[in-house]
């Protein structure tokens, strides 16, 4: 069980970080301030974590056979 929690945590944290990085790259192309970029990236990260936690963990648990 501990392994499932660790693996799923790494997966949804990595996806959330990647989405935040994409957001930062896309906002650099626009005329946004750095405060808006960083705040938006933090918001994207938090929302992604909230959405992905209950989705990824059961998928990892199912693949692990538990």
Protein backbone atom coordinates (compact mmCIF):
# COMPACT_ATOMS: atom_id res chain seq x y z
CA UNK A 1 0.00 0.00 0.00
CA UNK A 2 2.84 2.39 0.84
CA UNK A 3 4.34 1.83 -2.60
CA UNK A 4 1.01 2.69 -4.28
CA UNK A 5 0.79 5.95 -2.35
CA UNK A 6 4.37 6.88 -3.23
CA UNK A 7 4.02 6.07 -6.92
CA UNK A 8 0.67 7.82 -7.31
CA UNK A 9 2.01 10.86 -5.43
CA UNK A 10 4.96 11.09 -7.77
CA UNK A 11 2.72 10.76 -10.81
CA UNK A 12 0.16 13.43 -9.94
CA UNK A 13 2.80 15.80 -8.57
CA UNK A 14 4.81 15.45 -11.77
CA UNK A 15 1.78 16.06 -13.96
CA UNK A 16 0.80 19.09 -11.88
CA UNK A 17 4.31 20.54 -12.12
CA UNK A 18 4.32 19.97 -15.88
CA UNK A 19 0.98 21.74 -16.26
CA UNK A 20 2.27 24.67 -14.20
CA UNK A 21 5.37 24.88 -16.39
CA UNK A 22 3.22 24.90 -19.53
CA UNK A 23 1.14 27.69 -18.01
CA UNK A 24 4.28 29.72 -17.29
CA UNK A 25 5.60 29.25 -20.82
CA UNK A 26 2.29 30.28 -22.35
CA UNK A 27 1.98 33.39 -20.18
CA UNK A 28 5.49 34.52 -21.09
CA UNK A 29 4.19 34.93 -24.64
CA UNK A 30 1.45 37.27 -23.37
CA UNK A 31 1.76 40.63 -21.68
CA UNK A 32 1.30 39.46 -18.11
CA UNK A 33 3.22 40.56 -15.03
CA UNK A 34 5.41 38.14 -13.12
CA UNK A 35 3.05 38.28 -10.15
CA UNK A 36 0.18 37.15 -12.38
CA UNK A 37 2.34 34.42 -13.95
CA UNK A 38 3.56 32.99 -10.65
CA UNK A 39 0.14 33.27 -9.01
CA UNK A 40 -1.51 31.61 -11.99
CA UNK A 41 1.06 28.83 -12.05
CA UNK A 42 0.49 28.20 -8.34
CA UNK A 43 -3.26 28.15 -8.93
CA UNK A 44 -2.88 25.68 -11.81
CA UNK A 45 -0.65 23.48 -9.64
CA UNK A 46 -3.09 23.42 -6.72
CA UNK A 47 -6.14 22.75 -8.87
CA UNK A 48 -4.31 20.03 -10.79
CA UNK A 49 -3.33 18.33 -7.54
CA UNK A 50 -6.93 18.46 -6.29
CA UNK A 51 -8.28 17.02 -9.52
CA UNK A 52 -5.59 14.38 -10.09
CA UNK A 53 -5.32 12.92 -6.57
CA UNK A 54 -8.62 11.01 -6.60
CA UNK A 55 -8.13 9.99 -10.24
CA UNK A 56 -4.54 8.73 -10.28
CA UNK A 57 -4.46 6.84 -6.98
CA UNK A 58 -7.18 4.29 -7.88
CA UNK A 59 -5.58 3.77 -11.29
CA UNK A 60 -2.20 3.01 -9.74
CA UNK A 61 -3.82 0.76 -7.14
CA UNK A 62 -5.65 -1.16 -9.88
CA UNK A 63 -2.45 -1.63 -11.88
CA UNK A 64 -0.62 -2.82 -8.75
CA UNK A 65 -3.25 -5.50 -8.32
CA UNK A 66 -4.65 -4.20 -5.08
